[in-house]
Amino acid sequence: MFWRILKAMGRPSLIVDVTPRHQKELASLLSGGVQQVRVVLRALALLQMAKGANAPQISNVIPLTPQAIRKIGHRYQQGGLERALYERARPGAEEVLDGAQKQRIIAMVCSDPPEGRARWTVRLVVEEAVKRRLVPRVGRETIRILLLHHDLKPWREKNVVRGRLD
């Protein structure tokens, strides 16, 4: 019974006071051109909070959970409009190869393949890079992406670099 009473009471309503200037910015953002869906939903939620609606009411209109709506309100209170609408940049994974290592691998792929091989394959590039001590270790996917960025497809051709005979 105690839990029913607590559940009926719900959480206290989060009051977010959105400044008139920010409300105008939100309105222009929504009436403007193409925006990310996340940003539009957050802007709509903020405008609804500015009108005094609580998170459960807003979640009935906008496809966000009450918890997500409250987080948007808290982020607005802590960091302003930019913080509420946009996510922070994520650091991403650290690069496996440095510039010199990439250059050495590309140079190796542009040379002739090892004895007994007709062409380079991604697996062969990985084996030879480690064998020649160009890198301590490297994965096939890293090599595949490196070759992709340099528009190299050595498995399709016998020689990647073709000299012209004049």
C-alpha atoms as a PDB file:
ATOM      1  CA  MET A   1       0.000   0.000   0.000  1.00  0.00           C
ATOM      2  CA  PHE A   2       2.854   2.336   0.818  1.00  0.00           C
ATOM      3  CA  TRP A   3       4.262   1.910  -2.727  1.00  0.00           C
ATOM      4  CA  ARG A   4       0.885   2.700  -4.263  1.00  0.00           C
ATOM      5  CA  ILE A   5       0.763   5.974  -2.373  1.00  0.00           C
ATOM      6  CA  LEU A   6       4.302   6.850  -3.449  1.00  0.00           C
ATOM      7  CA  LYS A   7       3.526   5.911  -7.053  1.00  0.00           C
ATOM      8  CA  ALA A   8       0.357   8.008  -7.018  1.00  0.00           C
ATOM      9  CA  MET A   9       2.290  10.993  -5.677  1.00  0.00           C
ATOM     10  CA  GLY A  10       4.861  10.809  -8.474  1.00  0.00           C
ATOM     11  CA  ARG A  11       7.927  12.940  -8.738  1.00  0.00           C
ATOM     12  CA  PRO A  12       7.853  16.621  -8.033  1.00  0.00           C
ATOM     13  CA  SER A  13       7.395  18.630 -11.202  1.00  0.00           C
ATOM     14  CA  LEU A  14      10.568  20.053 -12.711  1.00  0.00           C
ATOM     15  CA  ILE A  15      10.146  23.763 -13.290  1.00  0.00           C
ATOM     16  CA  VAL A  16      12.300  25.051 -16.129  1.00  0.00           C
ATOM     17  CA  ASP A  17      12.297  28.766 -16.768  1.00  0.00           C
ATOM     18  CA  VAL A  18      13.257  29.179 -20.429  1.00  0.00           C
ATOM     19  CA  THR A  19      14.170  32.777 -21.171  1.00  0.00           C
ATOM     20  CA  PRO A  20      12.190  34.631 -23.862  1.00  0.00           C
ATOM     21  CA  ARG A  21      15.353  34.975 -25.956  1.00  0.00           C
ATOM     22  CA  HIS A  22      15.913  31.204 -25.838  1.00  0.00           C
ATOM     23  CA  GLN A  23      12.241  30.622 -26.691  1.00  0.00           C
ATOM     24  CA  LYS A  24      12.696  32.745 -29.825  1.00  0.00           C
ATOM     25  CA  GLU A  25      15.841  30.794 -30.721  1.00  0.00           C
ATOM     26  CA  LEU A  26      13.943  27.533 -30.282  1.00  0.00           C
ATOM     27  CA  ALA A  27      11.085  28.762 -32.451  1.00  0.00           C
ATOM     28  CA  SER A  28      13.466  29.846 -35.214  1.00  0.00           C
ATOM     29  CA  LEU A  29      15.331  26.540 -34.989  1.00  0.00           C
ATOM     30  CA  LEU A  30      12.070  24.638 -35.403  1.00  0.00           C
ATOM     31  CA  SER A  31      10.823  26.801 -38.256  1.00  0.00           C
ATOM     32  CA  GLY A  32      14.193  26.792 -40.009  1.00  0.00           C
ATOM     33  CA  GLY A  33      15.733  24.211 -42.316  1.00  0.00           C
ATOM     34  CA  VAL A  34      16.828  20.643 -41.768  1.00  0.00           C
ATOM     35  CA  GLN A  35      17.828  19.677 -38.243  1.00  0.00           C
ATOM     36  CA  GLN A  36      18.669  16.427 -36.514  1.00  0.00           C
ATOM     37  CA  VAL A  37      15.600  14.665 -35.140  1.00  0.00           C
ATOM     38  CA  ARG A  38      17.111  14.567 -31.650  1.00  0.00           C
ATOM     39  CA  VAL A  39      17.630  18.322 -31.641  1.00  0.00           C
ATOM     40  CA  VAL A  40      14.065  18.970 -32.833  1.00  0.00           C
ATOM     41  CA  LEU A  41      12.578  16.685 -30.160  1.00  0.00           C
ATOM     42  CA  ARG A  42      14.666  18.343 -27.450  1.00  0.00           C
ATOM     43  CA  ALA A  43      13.640  21.800 -28.664  1.00  0.00           C
ATOM     44  CA  LEU A  44       9.963  20.795 -28.642  1.00  0.00           C
ATOM     45  CA  ALA A  45      10.337  19.409 -25.125  1.00  0.00           C
ATOM     46  CA  LEU A  46      11.978  22.632 -23.926  1.00  0.00           C
ATOM     47  CA  LEU A  47       9.207  24.744 -25.423  1.00  0.00           C
ATOM     48  CA  GLN A  48       6.621  22.586 -23.679  1.00  0.00           C
ATOM     49  CA  MET A  49       8.506  22.928 -20.380  1.00  0.00           C
ATOM     50  CA  ALA A  50       8.554  26.712 -20.879  1.00  0.00           C
ATOM     51  CA  LYS A  51       4.738  26.581 -21.073  1.00  0.00           C
ATOM     52  CA  GLY A  52       4.637  24.776 -17.715  1.00  0.00           C
ATOM     53  CA  ALA A  53       3.959  21.197 -18.816  1.00  0.00           C
ATOM     54  CA  ASN A  54       5.538  18.436 -16.758  1.00  0.00           C
ATOM     55  CA  ALA A  55       7.600  15.526 -18.096  1.00  0.00           C
ATOM     56  CA  PRO A  56       4.810  12.874 -18.186  1.00  0.00           C
ATOM     57  CA  GLN A  57       2.496  15.262 -20.056  1.00  0.00           C
ATOM     58  CA  ILE A  58       5.218  16.100 -22.570  1.00  0.00           C
ATOM     59  CA  SER A  59       6.047  12.409 -23.057  1.00  0.00           C
ATOM     60  CA  ASN A  60       2.445  11.823 -24.157  1.00  0.00           C
ATOM     61  CA  VAL A  61       2.939  14.311 -27.001  1.00  0.00           C
ATOM     62  CA  ILE A  62       6.624  13.914 -27.864  1.00  0.00           C
ATOM     63  CA  PRO A  63       8.182  10.452 -28.311  1.00  0.00           C
ATOM     64  CA  LEU A  64      10.604  10.813 -25.395  1.00  0.00           C
ATOM     65  CA  THR A  65      10.515   9.219 -21.969  1.00  0.00           C
ATOM     66  CA  PRO A  66       9.774  11.409 -18.935  1.00  0.00           C
ATOM     67  CA  GLN A  67      13.292  10.685 -17.701  1.00  0.00           C
ATOM     68  CA  ALA A  68      14.832  11.937 -20.975  1.00  0.00           C
ATOM     69  CA  ILE A  69      12.687  15.067 -20.800  1.00  0.00           C
ATOM     70  CA  ARG A  70      13.789  15.753 -17.241  1.00  0.00           C
ATOM     71  CA  LYS A  71      17.427  15.326 -18.311  1.00  0.00           C
ATOM     72  CA  ILE A  72      16.900  17.917 -21.048  1.00  0.00           C
ATOM     73  CA  GLY A  73      15.491  20.295 -18.418  1.00  0.00           C
ATOM     74  CA  HIS A  74      18.385  19.684 -16.042  1.00  0.00           C
ATOM     75  CA  ARG A  75      20.921  20.200 -18.830  1.00  0.00           C
ATOM     76  CA  TYR A  76      19.210  23.491 -19.754  1.00  0.00           C
ATOM     77  CA  GLN A  77      19.375  24.663 -16.146  1.00  0.00           C
ATOM     78  CA  GLN A  78      23.040  23.703 -15.815  1.00  0.00           C
ATOM     79  CA  GLY A  79      24.484  24.731 -19.168  1.00  0.00           C
ATOM     80  CA  GLY A  80      21.963  26.712 -21.163  1.00  0.00           C
ATOM     81  CA  LEU A  81      20.367  26.121 -24.535  1.00  0.00           C
ATOM     82  CA  GLU A  82      23.391  24.646 -26.349  1.00  0.00           C
ATOM     83  CA  ARG A  83      23.937  22.082 -23.603  1.00  0.00           C
ATOM     84  CA  ALA A  84      20.268  21.082 -23.606  1.00  0.00           C
ATOM     85  CA  LEU A  85      19.945  20.642 -27.370  1.00  0.00           C
ATOM     86  CA  TYR A  86      23.298  19.230 -28.451  1.00  0.00           C
ATOM     87  CA  GLU A  87      25.420  16.369 -27.186  1.00  0.00           C
ATOM     88  CA  ARG A  88      29.033  16.805 -26.218  1.00  0.00           C
ATOM     89  CA  ALA A  89      31.600  15.540 -28.702  1.00  0.00           C
ATOM     90  CA  ARG A  90      32.677  12.011 -27.924  1.00  0.00           C
ATOM     91  CA  PRO A  91      36.384  11.258 -27.937  1.00  0.00           C
ATOM     92  CA  GLY A  92      36.262   8.124 -30.063  1.00  0.00           C
ATOM     93  CA  ALA A  93      38.908   5.454 -30.212  1.00  0.00           C
ATOM     94  CA  GLU A  94      42.585   6.293 -30.341  1.00  0.00           C
ATOM     95  CA  GLU A  95      44.270   5.770 -33.709  1.00  0.00           C
ATOM     96  CA  VAL A  96      46.155   2.508 -33.961  1.00  0.00           C
ATOM     97  CA  LEU A  97      48.690   3.627 -36.567  1.00  0.00           C
ATOM     98  CA  ASP A  98      50.634   6.880 -36.652  1.00  0.00           C
ATOM     99  CA  GLY A  99      51.420   8.744 -39.860  1.00  0.00           C
ATOM    100  CA  ALA A 100      54.851   7.166 -40.422  1.00  0.00           C
ATOM    101  CA  GLN A 101      53.489   3.645 -39.961  1.00  0.00           C
ATOM    102  CA  LYS A 102      50.670   4.346 -42.421  1.00  0.00           C
ATOM    103  CA  GLN A 103      53.143   5.631 -45.002  1.00  0.00           C
ATOM    104  CA  ARG A 104      55.383   2.580 -44.649  1.00  0.00           C
ATOM    105  CA  ILE A 105      52.449   0.199 -45.050  1.00  0.00           C
ATOM    106  CA  ILE A 106      51.171   2.061 -48.129  1.00  0.00           C
ATOM    107  CA  ALA A 107      54.676   1.994 -49.631  1.00  0.00           C
ATOM    108  CA  MET A 108      54.885  -1.739 -48.955  1.00  0.00           C
ATOM    109  CA  VAL A 109      51.520  -2.348 -50.657  1.00  0.00           C
ATOM    110  CA  CYS A 110      52.612  -0.295 -53.674  1.00  0.00           C
ATOM    111  CA  SER A 111      55.669  -2.515 -54.125  1.00  0.00           C
ATOM    112  CA  ASP A 112      55.686  -6.049 -55.492  1.00  0.00           C
ATOM    113  CA  PRO A 113      54.083  -8.742 -53.337  1.00  0.00           C
ATOM    114  CA  PRO A 114      56.302 -11.338 -51.616  1.00  0.00           C
ATOM    115  CA  GLU A 115      57.829 -14.194 -53.574  1.00  0.00           C
ATOM    116  CA  GLY A 116      55.238 -16.750 -54.629  1.00  0.00           C
ATOM    117  CA  ARG A 117      52.282 -14.348 -54.406  1.00  0.00           C
ATOM    118  CA  ALA A 118      50.537 -12.776 -57.371  1.00  0.00           C
ATOM    119  CA  ARG A 119      48.969  -9.884 -55.446  1.00  0.00           C
ATOM    120  CA  TRP A 120      48.549  -8.379 -52.006  1.00  0.00           C
ATOM    121  CA  THR A 121      45.604  -9.363 -49.812  1.00  0.00           C
ATOM    122  CA  VAL A 122      44.574  -7.699 -46.583  1.00  0.00           C
ATOM    123  CA  ARG A 123      45.732 -10.721 -44.584  1.00  0.00           C
ATOM    124  CA  LEU A 124      49.060 -10.736 -46.418  1.00  0.00           C
ATOM    125  CA  VAL A 125      49.547  -7.012 -45.723  1.00  0.00           C
ATOM    126  CA  VAL A 126      48.933  -7.638 -42.010  1.00  0.00           C
ATOM    127  CA  GLU A 127      51.393 -10.557 -41.914  1.00  0.00           C
ATOM    128  CA  GLU A 128      54.098  -8.702 -43.831  1.00  0.00           C
ATOM    129  CA  ALA A 129      53.717  -5.466 -41.832  1.00  0.00           C
ATOM    130  CA  VAL A 130      54.329  -7.362 -38.600  1.00  0.00           C
ATOM    131  CA  LYS A 131      57.041  -9.558 -40.163  1.00  0.00           C
ATOM    132  CA  ARG A 132      58.914  -6.502 -41.535  1.00  0.00           C
ATOM    133  CA  ARG A 133      58.490  -4.771 -38.161  1.00  0.00           C
ATOM    134  CA  LEU A 134      56.629  -1.825 -39.611  1.00  0.00           C
ATOM    135  CA  VAL A 135      54.160  -2.155 -36.735  1.00  0.00           C
ATOM    136  CA  PRO A 136      54.247  -4.298 -33.576  1.00  0.00           C
ATOM    137  CA  ARG A 137      50.754  -5.624 -34.316  1.00  0.00           C
ATOM    138  CA  VAL A 138      47.799  -4.587 -36.414  1.00  0.00           C
ATOM    139  CA  GLY A 139      44.363  -5.949 -37.251  1.00  0.00           C
ATOM    140  CA  ARG A 140      42.907  -6.752 -40.648  1.00  0.00           C
ATOM    141  CA  GLU A 141      40.166  -4.165 -40.280  1.00  0.00           C
ATOM    142  CA  THR A 142      42.698  -1.413 -39.583  1.00  0.00           C
ATOM    143  CA  ILE A 143      44.586  -2.331 -42.757  1.00  0.00           C
ATOM    144  CA  ARG A 144      41.375  -2.599 -44.766  1.00  0.00           C
ATOM    145  CA  ILE A 145      40.292   0.891 -43.715  1.00  0.00           C
ATOM    146  CA  LEU A 146      43.772   2.307 -44.385  1.00  0.00           C
ATOM    147  CA  LEU A 147      43.730   0.883 -47.909  1.00  0.00           C
ATOM    148  CA  LEU A 148      40.176   2.106 -48.420  1.00  0.00           C
ATOM    149  CA  HIS A 149      41.130   5.671 -47.458  1.00  0.00           C
ATOM    150  CA  HIS A 150      43.967   5.607 -49.986  1.00  0.00           C
ATOM    151  CA  ASP A 151      41.716   4.068 -52.650  1.00  0.00           C
ATOM    152  CA  LEU A 152      43.980   1.026 -52.950  1.00  0.00           C
ATOM    153  CA  LYS A 153      42.582  -2.353 -53.922  1.00  0.00           C
ATOM    154  CA  PRO A 154      45.649  -4.500 -54.428  1.00  0.00           C
ATOM    155  CA  TRP A 155      43.666  -7.737 -54.389  1.00  0.00           C
ATOM    156  CA  ARG A 156      42.066  -6.675 -57.678  1.00  0.00           C
ATOM    157  CA  GLU A 157      45.282  -5.949 -59.573  1.00  0.00           C
ATOM    158  CA  LYS A 158      48.601  -7.709 -59.883  1.00  0.00           C
ATOM    159  CA  ASN A 159      50.560  -4.445 -59.497  1.00  0.00           C
ATOM    160  CA  VAL A 160      49.096  -1.493 -57.668  1.00  0.00           C
ATOM    161  CA  VAL A 161      51.456   1.122 -59.065  1.00  0.00           C
ATOM    162  CA  ARG A 162      51.849   0.956 -62.810  1.00  0.00           C
ATOM    163  CA  GLY A 163      54.653   2.837 -64.469  1.00  0.00           C
ATOM    164  CA  ARG A 164      54.167   4.262 -67.940  1.00  0.00           C
ATOM    165  CA  LEU A 165      56.535   3.224 -70.666  1.00  0.00           C
ATOM    166  CA  ASP A 166      57.178   6.083 -73.075  1.00  0.00           C
END
